Amino acid sequence: MHLKTNRYGKFVLDDKHTYTSTPLQAEEKNVVRAGAHILEPLEVLDDTIS
């Protein structure tokens, strides 16, 4: 799933749930894996960012 963060590094999922990433990823497109209870940021090659 591709999401764009705002200038604070926050993004919205399903137009109602707001999540925070890091300010280092502000105003960027990010790829995340959405599970039932977790959002996991991914790199381009589908590797988890640790």
C-alpha atoms as a PDB file:
ATOM      1  CA  MET A   1       0.000   0.000   0.000  1.00  0.00           C
ATOM      2  CA  HIS A   2       1.408   3.398  -0.993  1.00  0.00           C
ATOM      3  CA  LEU A   3       0.765   6.318   1.353  1.00  0.00           C
ATOM      4  CA  LYS A   4       1.911   9.950   1.293  1.00  0.00           C
ATOM      5  CA  THR A   5       2.908  11.637   4.531  1.00  0.00           C
ATOM      6  CA  ASN A   6       2.238  15.254   5.388  1.00  0.00           C
ATOM      7  CA  ARG A   7       4.916  17.724   6.467  1.00  0.00           C
ATOM      8  CA  TYR A   8       4.928  16.227   9.978  1.00  0.00           C
ATOM      9  CA  GLY A   9       5.397  12.625   8.830  1.00  0.00           C
ATOM     10  CA  LYS A  10       1.765  11.637   9.489  1.00  0.00           C
ATOM     11  CA  PHE A  11      -0.516   9.750   7.102  1.00  0.00           C
ATOM     12  CA  VAL A  12      -4.199   8.810   7.009  1.00  0.00           C
ATOM     13  CA  LEU A  13      -5.571   5.340   6.289  1.00  0.00           C
ATOM     14  CA  ASP A  14      -9.161   4.875   5.055  1.00  0.00           C
ATOM     15  CA  ASP A  15      -9.852   8.622   5.484  1.00  0.00           C
ATOM     16  CA  LYS A  16     -10.296   8.198   9.262  1.00  0.00           C
ATOM     17  CA  HIS A  17      -7.243   6.660  10.955  1.00  0.00           C
ATOM     18  CA  THR A  18      -4.153   8.861  11.417  1.00  0.00           C
ATOM     19  CA  TYR A  19      -0.732   7.310  11.995  1.00  0.00           C
ATOM     20  CA  THR A  20       2.680   8.812  12.619  1.00  0.00           C
ATOM     21  CA  SER A  21       5.908   7.826  10.926  1.00  0.00           C
ATOM     22  CA  THR A  22       9.139   9.725  11.413  1.00  0.00           C
ATOM     23  CA  PRO A  23       9.634  13.390  10.484  1.00  0.00           C
ATOM     24  CA  LEU A  24      12.513  12.172   8.309  1.00  0.00           C
ATOM     25  CA  GLN A  25       9.859  10.707   5.973  1.00  0.00           C
ATOM     26  CA  ALA A  26       7.771  13.895   5.826  1.00  0.00           C
ATOM     27  CA  GLU A  27       6.129  14.705   2.490  1.00  0.00           C
ATOM     28  CA  GLU A  28       7.261  11.445   0.900  1.00  0.00           C
ATOM     29  CA  LYS A  29       5.488   8.453  -0.568  1.00  0.00           C
ATOM     30  CA  ASN A  30       5.893   5.430   1.676  1.00  0.00           C
ATOM     31  CA  VAL A  31       5.071   1.780   1.186  1.00  0.00           C
ATOM     32  CA  VAL A  32       3.490   0.006   4.153  1.00  0.00           C
ATOM     33  CA  ARG A  33       2.141  -3.463   4.805  1.00  0.00           C
ATOM     34  CA  ALA A  34      -1.202  -3.263   6.608  1.00  0.00           C
ATOM     35  CA  GLY A  35      -2.061  -6.137   8.930  1.00  0.00           C
ATOM     36  CA  ALA A  36      -4.942  -6.561  11.347  1.00  0.00           C
ATOM     37  CA  HIS A  37      -3.118  -4.823  14.196  1.00  0.00           C
ATOM     38  CA  ILE A  38       0.058  -3.364  12.704  1.00  0.00           C
ATOM     39  CA  LEU A  39       1.313  -1.133   9.912  1.00  0.00           C
ATOM     40  CA  GLU A  40       4.793  -2.090   8.813  1.00  0.00           C
ATOM     41  CA  PRO A  41       6.911   0.314   6.724  1.00  0.00           C
ATOM     42  CA  LEU A  42       8.618  -1.375   3.775  1.00  0.00           C
ATOM     43  CA  GLU A  43      11.462  -0.554   1.445  1.00  0.00           C
ATOM     44  CA  VAL A  44      11.063  -0.781  -2.326  1.00  0.00           C
ATOM     45  CA  LEU A  45      12.265  -4.396  -2.404  1.00  0.00           C
ATOM     46  CA  ASP A  46       9.578  -5.390   0.143  1.00  0.00           C
ATOM     47  CA  ASP A  47      12.109  -5.583   2.986  1.00  0.00           C
ATOM     48  CA  THR A  48      11.048  -4.369   6.415  1.00  0.00           C
ATOM     49  CA  ILE A  49      12.720  -1.163   7.584  1.00  0.00           C
ATOM     50  CA  SER A  50      14.198  -1.687  11.033  1.00  0.00           C
END
